[in-house]
PDB file of N, CA and C in Angstrom:
ATOM      1  N   MET A   1      49.048   9.006 -30.959  1.00  0.00           N
ATOM      2  CA  MET A   1      49.042   9.199 -29.461  1.00  0.00           C
ATOM      3  C   MET A   1      49.991   8.118 -28.916  1.00  0.00           C
ATOM      4  N   LEU A   2      50.965   7.753 -29.718  1.00  0.00           N
ATOM      5  CA  LEU A   2      52.123   7.013 -29.232  1.00  0.00           C
ATOM      6  C   LEU A   2      52.774   7.654 -28.152  1.00  0.00           C
ATOM      7  N   PRO A   3      53.167   7.273 -27.123  1.00  0.00           N
ATOM      8  CA  PRO A   3      53.330   5.783 -26.794  1.00  0.00           C
ATOM      9  C   PRO A   3      52.208   5.332 -25.834  1.00  0.00           C
ATOM     10  N   THR A   4      51.276   6.190 -25.691  1.00  0.00           N
ATOM     11  CA  THR A   4      50.071   5.874 -24.864  1.00  0.00           C
ATOM     12  C   THR A   4      49.098   4.874 -25.481  1.00  0.00           C
ATOM     13  N   TYR A   5      48.736   5.071 -26.755  1.00  0.00           N
ATOM     14  CA  TYR A   5      48.009   4.353 -27.693  1.00  0.00           C
ATOM     15  C   TYR A   5      48.744   3.950 -28.959  1.00  0.00           C
ATOM     16  N   VAL A   6      48.455   2.644 -29.411  1.00  0.00           N
ATOM     17  CA  VAL A   6      49.267   2.244 -30.536  1.00  0.00           C
ATOM     18  C   VAL A   6      48.230   1.962 -31.729  1.00  0.00           C
ATOM     19  N   PRO A   7      48.544   2.158 -32.999  1.00  0.00           N
ATOM     20  CA  PRO A   7      47.528   1.932 -34.048  1.00  0.00           C
ATOM     21  C   PRO A   7      46.919   0.661 -33.930  1.00  0.00           C
ATOM     22  N   GLY A   8      45.612   0.532 -34.052  1.00  0.00           N
ATOM     23  CA  GLY A   8      44.885  -0.718 -34.072  1.00  0.00           C
ATOM     24  C   GLY A   8      44.436  -1.011 -32.650  1.00  0.00           C
ATOM     25  N   GLU A   9      44.881  -0.385 -31.689  1.00  0.00           N
ATOM     26  CA  GLU A   9      44.414  -0.621 -30.332  1.00  0.00           C
ATOM     27  C   GLU A   9      42.921  -0.163 -30.065  1.00  0.00           C
ATOM     28  N   SER A  10      42.112  -1.005 -29.334  1.00  0.00           N
ATOM     29  CA  SER A  10      40.671  -0.712 -29.195  1.00  0.00           C
ATOM     30  C   SER A  10      40.624   0.376 -28.096  1.00  0.00           C
ATOM     31  N   LEU A  11      39.839   1.356 -28.149  1.00  0.00           N
ATOM     32  CA  LEU A  11      39.547   2.227 -27.000  1.00  0.00           C
ATOM     33  C   LEU A  11      38.000   2.271 -26.784  1.00  0.00           C
ATOM     34  N   THR A  12      37.621   2.711 -25.616  1.00  0.00           N
ATOM     35  CA  THR A  12      36.316   2.949 -25.258  1.00  0.00           C
ATOM     36  C   THR A  12      36.139   4.526 -25.095  1.00  0.00           C
ATOM     37  N   ALA A  13      35.286   5.046 -25.918  1.00  0.00           N
ATOM     38  CA  ALA A  13      35.092   6.464 -25.889  1.00  0.00           C
ATOM     39  C   ALA A  13      33.521   6.785 -25.807  1.00  0.00           C
ATOM     40  N   LEU A  14      33.257   7.528 -24.711  1.00  0.00           N
ATOM     41  CA  LEU A  14      31.788   7.751 -24.545  1.00  0.00           C
ATOM     42  C   LEU A  14      31.562   9.211 -24.846  1.00  0.00           C
ATOM     43  N   ARG A  15      30.295   9.546 -25.409  1.00  0.00           N
ATOM     44  CA  ARG A  15      29.838  10.829 -25.672  1.00  0.00           C
ATOM     45  C   ARG A  15      30.089  11.717 -24.465  1.00  0.00           C
ATOM     46  N   LYS A  16      30.696  12.878 -24.733  1.00  0.00           N
ATOM     47  CA  LYS A  16      30.920  13.747 -23.674  1.00  0.00           C
ATOM     48  C   LYS A  16      29.799  14.102 -22.718  1.00  0.00           C
ATOM     49  N   TRP A  17      30.010  13.817 -21.544  1.00  0.00           N
ATOM     50  CA  TRP A  17      28.884  13.850 -20.447  1.00  0.00           C
ATOM     51  C   TRP A  17      29.231  14.949 -19.438  1.00  0.00           C
ATOM     52  N   ARG A  18      30.525  15.294 -19.384  1.00  0.00           N
ATOM     53  CA  ARG A  18      30.906  16.324 -18.409  1.00  0.00           C
ATOM     54  C   ARG A  18      31.936  17.228 -18.952  1.00  0.00           C
ATOM     55  N   ARG A  19      32.428  18.326 -18.309  1.00  0.00           N
ATOM     56  CA  ARG A  19      33.471  19.217 -18.816  1.00  0.00           C
ATOM     57  C   ARG A  19      34.753  18.515 -18.941  1.00  0.00           C
ATOM     58  N   VAL A  20      35.543  18.916 -19.942  1.00  0.00           N
ATOM     59  CA  VAL A  20      36.817  18.336 -20.115  1.00  0.00           C
ATOM     60  C   VAL A  20      37.734  18.808 -19.123  1.00  0.00           C
ATOM     61  N   ARG A  21      38.541  17.885 -18.574  1.00  0.00           N
ATOM     62  CA  ARG A  21      39.492  18.254 -17.598  1.00  0.00           C
ATOM     63  C   ARG A  21      40.992  18.178 -18.196  1.00  0.00           C
ATOM     64  N   VAL A  22      41.873  18.767 -17.488  1.00  0.00           N
ATOM     65  CA  VAL A  22      43.265  18.623 -17.999  1.00  0.00           C
ATOM     66  C   VAL A  22      43.718  17.218 -17.668  1.00  0.00           C
ATOM     67  N   GLY A  23      44.288  16.598 -18.652  1.00  0.00           N
ATOM     68  CA  GLY A  23      44.623  15.130 -18.575  1.00  0.00           C
ATOM     69  C   GLY A  23      43.695  14.173 -19.335  1.00  0.00           C
ATOM     70  N   ASP A  24      42.514  14.649 -19.556  1.00  0.00           N
ATOM     71  CA  ASP A  24      41.581  13.800 -20.490  1.00  0.00           C
ATOM     72  C   ASP A  24      42.078  13.604 -21.785  1.00  0.00           C
ATOM     73  N   VAL A  25      41.830  12.414 -22.319  1.00  0.00           N
ATOM     74  CA  VAL A  25      42.047  12.069 -23.673  1.00  0.00           C
ATOM     75  C   VAL A  25      40.780  12.247 -24.290  1.00  0.00           C
ATOM     76  N   VAL A  26      40.666  13.040 -25.511  1.00  0.00           N
ATOM     77  CA  VAL A  26      39.432  13.283 -26.011  1.00  0.00           C
ATOM     78  C   VAL A  26      39.387  12.913 -27.577  1.00  0.00           C
ATOM     79  N   VAL A  27      38.178  12.949 -28.154  1.00  0.00           N
ATOM     80  CA  VAL A  27      38.085  12.813 -29.642  1.00  0.00           C
ATOM     81  C   VAL A  27      37.449  13.887 -30.055  1.00  0.00           C
ATOM     82  N   VAL A  28      38.027  14.565 -31.087  1.00  0.00           N
ATOM     83  CA  VAL A  28      37.385  15.793 -31.658  1.00  0.00           C
ATOM     84  C   VAL A  28      37.699  15.882 -33.168  1.00  0.00           C
ATOM     85  N   ARG A  29      36.829  16.414 -33.946  1.00  0.00           N
ATOM     86  CA  ARG A  29      37.099  16.541 -35.261  1.00  0.00           C
ATOM     87  C   ARG A  29      38.181  17.517 -35.596  1.00  0.00           C
ATOM     88  N   ASP A  30      38.911  17.177 -36.671  1.00  0.00           N
ATOM     89  CA  ASP A  30      40.141  18.088 -37.034  1.00  0.00           C
ATOM     90  C   ASP A  30      39.424  19.438 -37.496  1.00  0.00           C
ATOM     91  N   PRO A  31      39.814  20.494 -36.819  1.00  0.00           N
ATOM     92  CA  PRO A  31      39.330  21.870 -37.153  1.00  0.00           C
ATOM     93  C   PRO A  31      39.570  22.242 -38.805  1.00  0.00           C
ATOM     94  N   ARG A  32      40.631  21.735 -39.306  1.00  0.00           N
ATOM     95  CA  ARG A  32      41.158  21.948 -40.700  1.00  0.00           C
ATOM     96  C   ARG A  32      40.443  20.947 -41.608  1.00  0.00           C
ATOM     97  N   ALA A  33      39.984  19.866 -41.264  1.00  0.00           N
ATOM     98  CA  ALA A  33      39.482  18.782 -42.161  1.00  0.00           C
ATOM     99  C   ALA A  33      38.432  18.018 -41.391  1.00  0.00           C
ATOM    100  N   PRO A  34      37.210  18.624 -41.190  1.00  0.00           N
ATOM    101  CA  PRO A  34      36.149  18.025 -40.400  1.00  0.00           C
ATOM    102  C   PRO A  34      35.780  16.557 -40.622  1.00  0.00           C
ATOM    103  N   SER A  35      36.059  15.909 -41.745  1.00  0.00           N
ATOM    104  CA  SER A  35      35.955  14.532 -42.026  1.00  0.00           C
ATOM    105  C   SER A  35      36.902  13.653 -41.208  1.00  0.00           C
ATOM    106  N   ARG A  36      37.861  14.205 -40.602  1.00  0.00           N
ATOM    107  CA  ARG A  36      38.910  13.416 -39.874  1.00  0.00           C
ATOM    108  C   ARG A  36      38.725  13.561 -38.341  1.00  0.00           C
ATOM    109  N   TRP A  37      38.714  12.482 -37.728  1.00  0.00           N
ATOM    110  CA  TRP A  37      38.813  12.548 -36.271  1.00  0.00           C
ATOM    111  C   TRP A  37      40.154  12.507 -35.629  1.00  0.00           C
ATOM    112  N   LEU A  38      40.232  13.296 -34.432  1.00  0.00           N
ATOM    113  CA  LEU A  38      41.653  13.191 -33.856  1.00  0.00           C
ATOM    114  C   LEU A  38      41.518  12.760 -32.338  1.00  0.00           C
ATOM    115  N   LEU A  39      42.429  12.045 -31.916  1.00  0.00           N
ATOM    116  CA  LEU A  39      42.605  11.619 -30.598  1.00  0.00           C
ATOM    117  C   LEU A  39      43.646  12.346 -29.893  1.00  0.00           C
ATOM    118  N   LYS A  40      43.347  13.258 -28.863  1.00  0.00           N
ATOM    119  CA  LYS A  40      44.280  14.115 -28.301  1.00  0.00           C
ATOM    120  C   LYS A  40      44.158  14.195 -26.797  1.00  0.00           C
ATOM    121  N   ARG A  41      45.113  14.709 -26.092  1.00  0.00           N
ATOM    122  CA  ARG A  41      45.062  14.954 -24.665  1.00  0.00           C
ATOM    123  C   ARG A  41      45.019  16.357 -24.312  1.00  0.00           C
ATOM    124  N   CYS A  42      43.994  16.817 -23.490  1.00  0.00           N
ATOM    125  CA  CYS A  42      43.853  18.158 -22.968  1.00  0.00           C
ATOM    126  C   CYS A  42      44.989  18.465 -22.145  1.00  0.00           C
ATOM    127  N   VAL A  43      45.868  19.393 -22.338  1.00  0.00           N
ATOM    128  CA  VAL A  43      46.969  19.779 -21.447  1.00  0.00           C
ATOM    129  C   VAL A  43      46.743  21.012 -20.877  1.00  0.00           C
ATOM    130  N   ALA A  44      45.756  21.901 -21.286  1.00  0.00           N
ATOM    131  CA  ALA A  44      45.450  23.061 -20.554  1.00  0.00           C
ATOM    132  C   ALA A  44      44.062  23.643 -20.927  1.00  0.00           C
ATOM    133  N   ARG A  45      43.609  24.437 -20.059  1.00  0.00           N
ATOM    134  CA  ARG A  45      42.275  25.009 -20.375  1.00  0.00           C
ATOM    135  C   ARG A  45      42.447  26.493 -20.175  1.00  0.00           C
ATOM    136  N   GLN A  46      41.861  27.397 -21.010  1.00  0.00           N
ATOM    137  CA  GLN A  46      41.873  28.733 -20.831  1.00  0.00           C
ATOM    138  C   GLN A  46      40.374  29.157 -21.006  1.00  0.00           C
ATOM    139  N   GLY A  47      39.753  29.168 -19.837  1.00  0.00           N
ATOM    140  CA  GLY A  47      38.246  29.337 -19.976  1.00  0.00           C
ATOM    141  C   GLY A  47      37.624  28.236 -20.779  1.00  0.00           C
ATOM    142  N   ALA A  48      36.762  28.523 -21.765  1.00  0.00           N
ATOM    143  CA  ALA A  48      36.069  27.620 -22.558  1.00  0.00           C
ATOM    144  C   ALA A  48      37.027  26.916 -23.661  1.00  0.00           C
ATOM    145  N   LEU A  49      38.289  27.465 -23.787  1.00  0.00           N
ATOM    146  CA  LEU A  49      39.252  26.871 -24.755  1.00  0.00           C
ATOM    147  C   LEU A  49      40.171  25.803 -24.170  1.00  0.00           C
ATOM    148  N   LEU A  50      40.438  24.880 -25.145  1.00  0.00           N
ATOM    149  CA  LEU A  50      41.233  23.728 -24.681  1.00  0.00           C
ATOM    150  C   LEU A  50      42.482  23.726 -25.672  1.00  0.00           C
ATOM    151  N   ASP A  51      43.659  23.361 -24.901  1.00  0.00           N
ATOM    152  CA  ASP A  51      44.823  23.145 -25.596  1.00  0.00           C
ATOM    153  C   ASP A  51      44.960  21.757 -25.665  1.00  0.00           C
ATOM    154  N   LEU A  52      44.956  21.152 -26.789  1.00  0.00           N
ATOM    155  CA  LEU A  52      45.015  19.665 -27.201  1.00  0.00           C
ATOM    156  C   LEU A  52      46.327  19.340 -27.769  1.00  0.00           C
ATOM    157  N   ARG A  53      46.881  18.301 -27.156  1.00  0.00           N
ATOM    158  CA  ARG A  53      48.165  17.873 -27.720  1.00  0.00           C
ATOM    159  C   ARG A  53      48.186  16.310 -27.989  1.00  0.00           C
ATOM    160  N   GLY A  54      49.060  15.960 -28.818  1.00  0.00           N
ATOM    161  CA  GLY A  54      49.310  14.455 -29.016  1.00  0.00           C
ATOM    162  C   GLY A  54      50.489  14.110 -28.008  1.00  0.00           C
ATOM    163  N   ASP A  55      50.368  12.789 -27.613  1.00  0.00           N
ATOM    164  CA  ASP A  55      51.509  12.327 -26.709  1.00  0.00           C
ATOM    165  C   ASP A  55      52.864  12.237 -27.412  1.00  0.00           C
ATOM    166  N   ASN A  56      52.914  12.036 -28.781  1.00  0.00           N
ATOM    167  CA  ASN A  56      54.110  11.983 -29.555  1.00  0.00           C
ATOM    168  C   ASN A  56      54.385  13.381 -30.009  1.00  0.00           C
ATOM    169  N   GLU A  57      54.885  14.321 -29.294  1.00  0.00           N
ATOM    170  CA  GLU A  57      55.170  15.680 -29.637  1.00  0.00           C
ATOM    171  C   GLU A  57      55.766  15.905 -31.068  1.00  0.00           C
ATOM    172  N   LEU A  58      56.617  15.124 -31.379  1.00  0.00           N
ATOM    173  CA  LEU A  58      57.366  15.291 -32.787  1.00  0.00           C
ATOM    174  C   LEU A  58      56.462  15.007 -33.878  1.00  0.00           C
ATOM    175  N   ALA A  59      55.591  14.031 -33.829  1.00  0.00           N
ATOM    176  CA  ALA A  59      54.725  13.606 -34.885  1.00  0.00           C
ATOM    177  C   ALA A  59      53.246  13.908 -34.801  1.00  0.00           C
ATOM    178  N   SER A  60      52.948  14.849 -33.956  1.00  0.00           N
ATOM    179  CA  SER A  60      51.546  15.196 -33.687  1.00  0.00           C
ATOM    180  C   SER A  60      51.128  16.438 -34.337  1.00  0.00           C
ATOM    181  N   THR A  61      49.812  16.198 -34.749  1.00  0.00           N
ATOM    182  CA  THR A  61      49.058  17.501 -35.424  1.00  0.00           C
ATOM    183  C   THR A  61      48.196  17.842 -34.368  1.00  0.00           C
ATOM    184  N   ASP A  62      48.275  19.072 -33.629  1.00  0.00           N
ATOM    185  CA  ASP A  62      47.505  19.418 -32.468  1.00  0.00           C
ATOM    186  C   ASP A  62      47.266  20.970 -32.381  1.00  0.00           C
ATOM    187  N   SER A  63      47.053  21.402 -31.214  1.00  0.00           N
ATOM    188  CA  SER A  63      46.592  22.839 -31.048  1.00  0.00           C
ATOM    189  C   SER A  63      47.951  23.668 -31.507  1.00  0.00           C
ATOM    190  N   ARG A  64      49.082  23.163 -31.533  1.00  0.00           N
ATOM    191  CA  ARG A  64      50.220  23.992 -31.985  1.00  0.00           C
ATOM    192  C   ARG A  64      50.079  24.211 -33.477  1.00  0.00           C
ATOM    193  N   ASP A  65      49.254  23.420 -34.145  1.00  0.00           N
ATOM    194  CA  ASP A  65      49.047  23.608 -35.515  1.00  0.00           C
ATOM    195  C   ASP A  65      47.709  24.258 -35.820  1.00  0.00           C
ATOM    196  N   PHE A  66      46.593  23.992 -35.109  1.00  0.00           N
ATOM    197  CA  PHE A  66      45.264  24.440 -35.537  1.00  0.00           C
ATOM    198  C   PHE A  66      44.624  25.366 -34.408  1.00  0.00           C
ATOM    199  N   GLY A  67      45.431  25.571 -33.401  1.00  0.00           N
ATOM    200  CA  GLY A  67      44.997  26.548 -32.344  1.00  0.00           C
ATOM    201  C   GLY A  67      44.217  25.926 -31.256  1.00  0.00           C
ATOM    202  N   LEU A  68      43.645  26.722 -30.250  1.00  0.00           N
ATOM    203  CA  LEU A  68      42.916  26.184 -29.210  1.00  0.00           C
ATOM    204  C   LEU A  68      41.564  25.849 -29.781  1.00  0.00           C
ATOM    205  N   VAL A  69      40.843  24.954 -29.154  1.00  0.00           N
ATOM    206  CA  VAL A  69      39.430  24.524 -29.566  1.00  0.00           C
ATOM    207  C   VAL A  69      38.486  24.801 -28.425  1.00  0.00           C
ATOM    208  N   THR A  70      37.295  24.966 -28.801  1.00  0.00           N
ATOM    209  CA  THR A  70      36.251  24.955 -27.651  1.00  0.00           C
ATOM    210  C   THR A  70      35.890  23.681 -27.035  1.00  0.00           C
ATOM    211  N   GLY A  71      35.437  23.705 -25.775  1.00  0.00           N
ATOM    212  CA  GLY A  71      35.201  22.504 -25.122  1.00  0.00           C
ATOM    213  C   GLY A  71      33.934  21.928 -25.796  1.00  0.00           C
ATOM    214  N   LYS A  72      33.139  22.741 -26.440  1.00  0.00           N
ATOM    215  CA  LYS A  72      31.942  22.166 -27.059  1.00  0.00           C
ATOM    216  C   LYS A  72      32.255  21.425 -28.370  1.00  0.00           C
ATOM    217  N   SER A  73      33.517  21.566 -28.862  1.00  0.00           N
ATOM    218  CA  SER A  73      33.885  20.830 -30.122  1.00  0.00           C
ATOM    219  C   SER A  73      34.360  19.348 -29.797  1.00  0.00           C
ATOM    220  N   VAL A  74      34.496  19.086 -28.481  1.00  0.00           N
ATOM    221  CA  VAL A  74      34.928  17.831 -27.966  1.00  0.00           C
ATOM    222  C   VAL A  74      33.602  16.839 -28.021  1.00  0.00           C
ATOM    223  N   ARG A  75      33.697  15.805 -28.870  1.00  0.00           N
ATOM    224  CA  ARG A  75      32.544  14.907 -28.948  1.00  0.00           C
ATOM    225  C   ARG A  75      32.478  13.763 -27.884  1.00  0.00           C
ATOM    226  N   TYR A  76      33.738  13.241 -27.680  1.00  0.00           N
ATOM    227  CA  TYR A  76      33.891  12.063 -26.991  1.00  0.00           C
ATOM    228  C   TYR A  76      35.061  12.087 -25.979  1.00  0.00           C
ATOM    229  N   LEU A  77      34.830  11.411 -24.793  1.00  0.00           N
ATOM    230  CA  LEU A  77      35.920  11.385 -23.700  1.00  0.00           C
ATOM    231  C   LEU A  77      36.361   9.815 -23.658  1.00  0.00           C
ATOM    232  N   VAL A  78      37.625   9.588 -23.745  1.00  0.00           N
ATOM    233  CA  VAL A  78      38.158   8.213 -23.806  1.00  0.00           C
ATOM    234  C   VAL A  78      38.295   7.794 -22.331  1.00  0.00           C
ATOM    235  N   ILE A  79      37.750   6.570 -22.102  1.00  0.00           N
ATOM    236  CA  ILE A  79      37.760   6.060 -20.775  1.00  0.00           C
ATOM    237  C   ILE A  79      38.998   5.293 -20.693  1.00  0.00           C
ATOM    238  N   GLN A  80      39.741   5.652 -19.636  1.00  0.00           N
ATOM    239  CA  GLN A  80      41.069   4.848 -19.393  1.00  0.00           C
ATOM    240  C   GLN A  80      40.718   3.424 -18.905  1.00  0.00           C
ATOM    241  N   PRO A  81      41.523   2.605 -19.420  1.00  0.00           N
ATOM    242  CA  PRO A  81      41.374   1.225 -18.859  1.00  0.00           C
ATOM    243  C   PRO A  81      41.651   1.255 -17.328  1.00  0.00           C
ATOM    244  N   ARG A  82      40.983   0.480 -16.381  1.00  0.00           N
ATOM    245  CA  ARG A  82      41.285   0.468 -15.053  1.00  0.00           C
ATOM    246  C   ARG A  82      42.549  -0.438 -14.934  1.00  0.00           C
ATOM    247  N   LYS A  83      43.465   0.119 -14.164  1.00  0.00           N
ATOM    248  CA  LYS A  83      44.876  -0.520 -13.980  1.00  0.00           C
ATOM    249  C   LYS A  83      44.525  -1.727 -12.935  1.00  0.00           C
ATOM    250  N   GLU A  84      45.343  -2.803 -13.296  1.00  0.00           N
ATOM    251  CA  GLU A  84      45.227  -3.987 -12.492  1.00  0.00           C
ATOM    252  C   GLU A  84      45.478  -3.625 -11.002  1.00  0.00           C
ATOM    253  N   GLY A  85      44.692  -4.134 -10.131  1.00  0.00           N
ATOM    254  CA  GLY A  85      44.839  -3.841  -8.769  1.00  0.00           C
ATOM    255  C   GLY A  85      44.175  -2.627  -8.328  1.00  0.00           C
ATOM    256  N   ALA A  86      43.699  -1.901  -9.132  1.00  0.00           N
ATOM    257  CA  ALA A  86      43.112  -0.503  -8.791  1.00  0.00           C
ATOM    258  C   ALA A  86      41.588  -0.775  -8.115  1.00  0.00           C
ATOM    259  N   LYS A  87      41.343  -0.073  -7.030  1.00  0.00           N
ATOM    260  CA  LYS A  87      40.082  -0.214  -6.327  1.00  0.00           C
ATOM    261  C   LYS A  87      39.137   0.572  -7.013  1.00  0.00           C
ATOM    262  N   SER A  88      37.753   0.169  -6.983  1.00  0.00           N
ATOM    263  CA  SER A  88      36.705   0.990  -7.533  1.00  0.00           C
ATOM    264  C   SER A  88      36.374   2.120  -6.619  1.00  0.00           C
TER     265      SER A  88
END
């Protein structure tokens, strides 16, 4: 997910409690290798299906490789750090 997240960076991800929205960063199991977790951004919804992409388009394994995934397959939503000066 470079340049948004760098290897070793700590993230906070909460168990999915709401529907995934376009722009959300999610954690999902790799549909081709379920023992592997993927961090991806939802770039589009098509009904119950999600188009997940990595922020580094040239080096990402995402929906272009494994296809659309169901919203139910998303396990966690990444909570974006609050920007300095942002109001609650």
